[in-house]
Amino acid sequence: MKKRFNFLPYGGREPYAYFGCFADDEPIAAEIVDQLVNRGFRVFNDACESKFALTPSETANGIHDCAGAVVVVSKKSIENLAFRNTINYLLSLRKPLVCVKIGDFDLSYGLEMQLANIPQIAFHSVDETMNELLQCPVLTQDMLGAGMMRREYNRKRNLILFGMITAAVLVFATAAFVVVQKRTSPEYVLRNVDGSEYVNIAKFGDDGIDGMKGKTVGELDLSGGEFTTLTAMKDVFATTVNVSDISIEVPLWPLTLMEGIETVKISQDQRIFAGELCDAGITVVVTH
């Protein structure tokens, strides 16, 4: 977000400096005004066509009653009629004036002649500009004093807006999480595997077995997966089941309840279950 003037235009009756700029130059102008106020100057700050732009009558009154003026001049600002009118009004009232020129460009619209005898400071940095302004006779000691008020931004509105954005992001993130969770679930991934020659459910664990209930496949691969029980396998139809490298603490006898099962692949450490599988007429293949 662009930096705006942090202070309201001075509204008292003591001598003050008018500080004018165009909306595009307000970030730089705001930093200079901050330093002026920190040094005790009363400033009537005005950014033409900005978010907090003053009405023409307010600007005219601020210029009319000022004791001196600083204007920020840039290639963009001089193209604006309202800003040029500000300079013309300052000149018509013969107000002490100094220009802070941003960038290298030629003055046009008659400003070259109008500002020929007006001091100009080439902007390089805020600190350098401040040093030159403080040496300029436009800023006088009688402009020093109290009366500047900080601008109160609508924090409540910003908090509400922030809350709305946060809520929207959370809703979107939650919806996205639900979609991802659903599309990576066993129910979603395994819904169209009925009749497949080969299905691997190792990464799904017990939920994978539940997702295969009622389905028929050629080979069902559980190898390397983490399973707590194989009792739900009685509802799965598979010719070959690979249970190698699953925990040896998981009994294999539920495989004998499966319809159509012909072969079971096991690991070396699962050979203790081979007898009961063979007794059920199942071919046991020990993998290495």
Protein backbone atom coordinates (compact mmCIF):
# COMPACT_ATOMS: atom_id res chain seq x y z
CA MET A 1 0.00 0.00 0.00
CA LYS A 2 1.29 3.48 -0.85
CA LYS A 3 2.37 5.66 2.06
CA ARG A 4 -0.07 8.49 2.78
CA PHE A 5 0.25 11.64 4.84
CA ASN A 6 0.28 10.60 8.48
CA PHE A 7 -0.88 14.03 9.65
CA LEU A 8 -3.99 16.09 9.10
CA PRO A 9 -3.49 19.55 7.54
CA TYR A 10 -2.80 22.13 10.21
CA GLY A 11 -6.03 23.85 11.19
CA GLY A 12 -4.95 26.54 13.67
CA ARG A 13 -4.28 30.26 13.36
CA GLU A 14 -0.51 30.24 13.92
CA PRO A 15 1.92 30.60 10.98
CA TYR A 16 2.37 27.38 9.03
CA ALA A 17 3.85 26.04 5.79
CA TYR A 18 1.70 24.84 2.92
CA PHE A 19 3.06 21.57 1.49
CA GLY A 20 1.48 20.49 -1.80
CA CYS A 21 2.01 17.55 -4.13
CA PHE A 22 0.22 15.37 -6.67
CA ALA A 23 -1.23 11.99 -5.63
CA ASP A 24 1.53 9.96 -7.35
CA ASP A 25 4.21 11.86 -5.39
CA GLU A 26 2.51 11.52 -2.00
CA PRO A 27 4.75 8.65 -0.75
CA ILE A 28 7.85 10.87 -1.04
CA ALA A 29 6.00 13.97 0.16
CA ALA A 30 4.68 12.11 3.20
CA GLU A 31 8.21 11.18 4.31
CA ILE A 32 9.35 14.80 4.02
CA VAL A 33 6.32 16.08 5.93
CA ASP A 34 6.92 13.48 8.66
CA GLN A 35 10.41 14.89 9.17
CA LEU A 36 9.16 18.48 9.14
CA VAL A 37 6.55 17.70 11.78
CA ASN A 38 9.12 15.80 13.85
CA ARG A 39 11.22 18.97 13.82
CA GLY A 40 8.26 20.94 15.13
CA PHE A 41 6.90 22.58 11.97
CA ARG A 42 3.20 23.21 11.48
CA VAL A 43 2.30 21.95 7.99
CA PHE A 44 -0.85 22.20 5.88
CA ASN A 45 -0.25 19.10 3.73
CA ASP A 46 -2.28 18.64 0.57
CA ALA A 47 -2.08 15.86 -2.07
CA CYS A 48 -4.05 16.78 -5.17
CA GLU A 49 -6.44 13.99 -6.30
CA SER A 50 -5.26 11.54 -3.64
CA LYS A 51 -7.39 9.37 -1.38
CA PHE A 52 -7.60 12.16 1.20
CA ALA A 53 -7.65 15.06 -1.28
CA LEU A 54 -9.02 18.35 0.03
CA THR A 55 -11.83 20.25 -1.67
CA PRO A 56 -10.81 23.20 -3.86
CA SER A 57 -12.09 25.65 -1.23
CA GLU A 58 -10.11 23.91 1.55
CA THR A 59 -6.97 24.00 -0.59
CA ALA A 60 -7.56 27.69 -1.43
CA ASN A 61 -7.98 28.57 2.25
CA GLY A 62 -4.85 26.63 3.18
CA ILE A 63 -2.83 28.45 0.56
CA HIS A 64 -4.33 31.87 1.37
CA ASP A 65 -3.41 31.71 5.05
CA CYS A 66 0.02 30.04 4.82
CA ALA A 67 3.25 31.85 5.64
CA GLY A 68 5.22 29.99 3.00
CA ALA A 69 4.92 26.98 0.72
CA VAL A 70 6.72 23.90 -0.55
CA VAL A 71 5.47 22.08 -3.65
CA VAL A 72 6.71 18.77 -5.04
CA VAL A 73 7.04 19.04 -8.81
CA SER A 74 7.30 15.99 -11.09
CA LYS A 75 6.65 15.20 -14.74
CA LYS A 76 3.33 13.61 -13.76
CA SER A 77 2.19 16.44 -11.48
CA ILE A 78 2.65 19.26 -13.99
CA GLU A 79 0.36 17.42 -16.40
CA ASN A 80 -2.46 17.81 -13.89
CA LEU A 81 -4.51 21.02 -14.25
CA ALA A 82 -5.62 21.11 -10.60
CA PHE A 83 -2.02 20.91 -9.42
CA ARG A 84 -0.92 23.68 -11.80
CA ASN A 85 -3.78 25.83 -10.48
CA THR A 86 -2.35 25.34 -6.99
CA ILE A 87 1.01 26.73 -8.14
CA ASN A 88 -0.71 29.60 -9.98
CA TYR A 89 -2.66 30.55 -6.87
CA LEU A 90 0.50 30.52 -4.73
CA LEU A 91 2.24 32.75 -7.26
CA SER A 92 -0.73 35.12 -7.54
CA LEU A 93 -0.66 35.64 -3.74
CA ARG A 94 3.12 36.10 -3.87
CA LYS A 95 3.65 33.45 -1.20
CA PRO A 96 7.27 32.52 -0.43
CA LEU A 97 7.71 29.32 -2.42
CA VAL A 98 10.28 26.58 -2.96
CA CYS A 99 9.94 23.63 -5.37
CA VAL A 100 11.21 20.09 -4.76
CA LYS A 101 11.78 18.68 -8.24
CA ILE A 102 11.58 14.88 -8.65
CA GLY A 103 13.37 13.58 -11.75
CA ASP A 104 14.94 15.20 -14.76
CA PHE A 105 12.33 16.76 -17.05
CA ASP A 106 11.55 20.05 -18.74
CA LEU A 107 8.97 22.33 -17.20
CA SER A 108 6.12 23.02 -19.60
CA TYR A 109 2.63 24.55 -19.58
CA GLY A 110 4.25 27.94 -18.97
CA LEU A 111 5.80 26.79 -15.69
CA GLU A 112 9.35 27.35 -16.93
CA MET A 113 8.67 31.08 -17.08
CA GLN A 114 6.50 31.20 -13.95
CA LEU A 115 9.03 29.37 -11.79
CA ALA A 116 12.13 30.96 -13.27
CA ASN A 117 12.85 32.94 -10.10
CA ILE A 118 11.58 30.33 -7.63
CA PRO A 119 14.18 28.25 -5.72
CA GLN A 120 14.26 24.62 -6.81
CA ILE A 121 15.67 21.66 -4.90
CA ALA A 122 16.52 18.52 -6.89
CA PHE A 123 15.27 15.51 -4.94
CA HIS A 124 17.88 12.80 -4.34
CA SER A 125 16.88 11.53 -0.92
CA VAL A 126 14.58 12.58 1.91
CA ASP A 127 17.51 13.47 4.18
CA GLU A 128 19.28 15.60 1.55
CA THR A 129 16.02 17.34 0.69
CA MET A 130 15.36 18.08 4.36
CA ASN A 131 18.82 19.60 4.81
CA GLU A 132 18.27 21.93 1.86
CA LEU A 133 14.72 22.85 2.93
CA LEU A 134 15.91 23.81 6.42
CA GLN A 135 18.41 26.19 4.87
CA CYS A 136 15.72 27.76 2.68
CA PRO A 137 14.19 31.07 3.90
CA VAL A 138 10.69 29.77 3.09
CA LEU A 139 10.60 27.71 6.30
CA THR A 140 10.76 30.19 9.16
CA GLN A 141 11.05 29.90 12.92
CA ASP A 142 7.54 31.24 13.49
CA MET A 143 6.18 28.10 11.79
CA LEU A 144 7.43 26.01 14.73
CA GLY A 145 4.92 24.97 17.36
CA ALA A 146 2.17 22.58 18.39
CA GLY A 147 -1.10 21.84 16.63
CA MET A 148 -0.40 18.94 14.28
CA MET A 149 -2.75 15.96 14.61
CA ARG A 150 -2.15 12.44 13.40
CA ARG A 151 -4.56 11.04 10.87
CA GLU A 152 -6.78 8.31 12.32
CA TYR A 153 -7.11 5.59 9.70
CA ASN A 154 -10.18 3.37 9.76
CA ARG A 155 -8.62 0.53 11.72
CA LYS A 156 -11.99 -1.07 12.42
CA ARG A 157 -12.76 -1.29 8.71
CA ASN A 158 -9.30 -2.69 8.01
CA LEU A 159 -9.73 -5.31 10.73
CA ILE A 160 -13.12 -6.31 9.33
CA LEU A 161 -11.65 -6.51 5.83
CA PHE A 162 -8.70 -8.54 7.11
CA GLY A 163 -11.11 -10.84 8.94
CA MET A 164 -13.22 -11.33 5.82
CA ILE A 165 -10.17 -12.13 3.71
CA THR A 166 -8.83 -14.52 6.36
CA ALA A 167 -12.21 -16.25 6.60
CA ALA A 168 -12.40 -16.59 2.81
CA VAL A 169 -8.89 -18.08 2.69
CA LEU A 170 -9.76 -20.53 5.46
CA VAL A 171 -12.97 -21.58 3.71
CA PHE A 172 -11.09 -22.09 0.45
CA ALA A 173 -8.27 -23.98 2.20
CA THR A 174 -10.77 -26.17 4.04
CA ALA A 175 -12.69 -26.91 0.85
CA ALA A 176 -9.45 -27.71 -0.97
CA PHE A 177 -8.33 -29.97 1.89
CA VAL A 178 -11.65 -31.84 1.82
CA VAL A 179 -11.39 -32.33 -1.95
CA VAL A 180 -7.78 -33.56 -1.73
CA GLN A 181 -8.61 -35.81 1.21
CA LYS A 182 -11.57 -37.27 -0.63
CA ARG A 183 -9.68 -37.86 -3.87
CA THR A 184 -6.82 -39.61 -2.08
CA SER A 185 -9.07 -41.79 0.06
CA PRO A 186 -9.31 -45.57 -0.56
CA GLU A 187 -13.04 -45.22 -1.34
CA TYR A 188 -12.28 -42.76 -4.17
CA VAL A 189 -9.12 -44.39 -5.53
CA LEU A 190 -10.45 -47.97 -5.47
CA ARG A 191 -14.00 -47.36 -6.64
CA ASN A 192 -13.34 -48.42 -10.27
CA VAL A 193 -10.92 -51.32 -9.78
CA ASP A 194 -13.51 -54.11 -9.96
CA GLY A 195 -12.32 -56.66 -12.51
CA SER A 196 -8.72 -55.37 -12.57
CA GLU A 197 -5.82 -57.78 -13.02
CA TYR A 198 -3.71 -56.12 -10.32
CA VAL A 199 -4.46 -53.71 -7.44
CA ASN A 200 -1.99 -52.40 -4.82
CA ILE A 201 -3.57 -51.32 -1.51
CA ALA A 202 -0.42 -51.33 0.65
CA LYS A 203 -0.48 -47.57 1.29
CA PHE A 204 -4.09 -47.61 2.50
CA GLY A 205 -3.68 -50.16 5.31
CA ASP A 206 -6.91 -51.54 6.83
CA ASP A 207 -8.96 -48.88 4.97
CA GLY A 208 -7.71 -50.34 1.71
CA ILE A 209 -9.15 -53.74 2.55
CA ASP A 210 -12.47 -52.11 3.43
CA GLY A 211 -12.39 -50.29 0.09
CA MET A 212 -12.02 -53.61 -1.75
CA LYS A 213 -15.04 -55.29 -0.18
CA GLY A 214 -17.21 -56.95 -2.83
CA LYS A 215 -14.68 -56.32 -5.62
CA THR A 216 -12.97 -58.96 -7.76
CA VAL A 217 -9.32 -58.67 -8.90
CA GLY A 218 -6.62 -60.95 -10.24
CA GLU A 219 -3.84 -60.09 -7.76
CA LEU A 220 -4.27 -57.99 -4.62
CA ASP A 221 -0.95 -56.59 -3.37
CA LEU A 222 -0.61 -55.77 0.33
CA SER A 223 3.19 -56.15 0.45
CA GLY A 224 5.00 -53.73 2.78
CA GLY A 225 1.77 -52.21 4.07
CA GLU A 226 0.76 -51.67 7.69
CA PHE A 227 -2.25 -53.80 8.55
CA THR A 228 -3.70 -54.70 11.96
CA THR A 229 -5.98 -57.52 10.79
CA LEU A 230 -6.96 -59.33 7.59
CA THR A 231 -10.43 -60.46 8.73
CA ALA A 232 -12.17 -58.18 6.21
CA MET A 233 -10.45 -60.10 3.37
CA LYS A 234 -13.30 -62.65 3.47
CA ASP A 235 -15.40 -60.13 1.51
CA VAL A 236 -12.76 -59.60 -1.20
CA PHE A 237 -12.46 -61.81 -4.30
CA ALA A 238 -8.86 -62.26 -5.53
CA THR A 239 -6.97 -65.12 -7.17
CA THR A 240 -3.56 -64.09 -5.77
CA VAL A 241 -2.79 -62.14 -2.59
CA ASN A 242 0.67 -60.76 -1.82
CA VAL A 243 1.14 -60.22 1.94
CA SER A 244 4.95 -60.28 1.99
CA ASP A 245 6.68 -57.83 4.35
CA ILE A 246 3.59 -56.99 6.37
CA SER A 247 3.89 -57.36 10.14
CA ILE A 248 4.47 -60.95 11.27
CA GLU A 249 2.07 -60.24 14.14
CA VAL A 250 -0.84 -60.17 11.67
CA PRO A 251 -2.25 -63.74 11.26
CA LEU A 252 -2.86 -64.95 7.72
CA TRP A 253 -5.66 -67.45 8.43
CA PRO A 254 -8.42 -64.99 7.31
CA LEU A 255 -7.08 -65.52 3.75
CA THR A 256 -8.42 -69.08 3.88
CA LEU A 257 -11.96 -67.64 4.03
CA MET A 258 -11.62 -65.86 0.68
CA GLU A 259 -13.51 -67.28 -2.28
CA GLY A 260 -11.51 -68.08 -5.40
CA ILE A 261 -8.09 -67.57 -3.79
CA GLU A 262 -5.36 -69.77 -5.30
CA THR A 263 -1.99 -68.28 -4.38
CA VAL A 264 -0.55 -66.34 -1.43
CA LYS A 265 2.87 -64.71 -1.58
CA ILE A 266 4.66 -64.45 1.79
CA SER A 267 8.07 -63.45 3.19
CA GLN A 268 10.61 -65.78 4.80
CA ASP A 269 9.56 -64.75 8.33
CA GLN A 270 5.92 -65.57 7.52
CA ARG A 271 6.61 -69.23 6.78
CA ILE A 272 5.07 -70.10 10.14
CA PHE A 273 1.67 -69.47 8.52
CA ALA A 274 2.39 -71.56 5.42
CA GLY A 275 0.98 -74.77 6.90
CA GLU A 276 -2.54 -73.53 7.55
CA LEU A 277 -2.65 -71.90 4.11
CA CYS A 278 -1.53 -75.09 2.38
CA ASP A 279 -4.06 -77.13 4.39
CA ALA A 280 -6.76 -74.90 2.90
CA GLY A 281 -5.57 -75.85 -0.63
CA ILE A 282 -3.78 -72.52 -1.25
CA THR A 283 -0.44 -72.42 -3.04
CA VAL A 284 2.18 -70.58 -0.98
CA VAL A 285 5.04 -68.75 -2.68
CA VAL A 286 7.89 -67.50 -0.51
CA THR A 287 9.42 -64.31 -1.89
CA HIS A 288 12.99 -63.21 -1.33
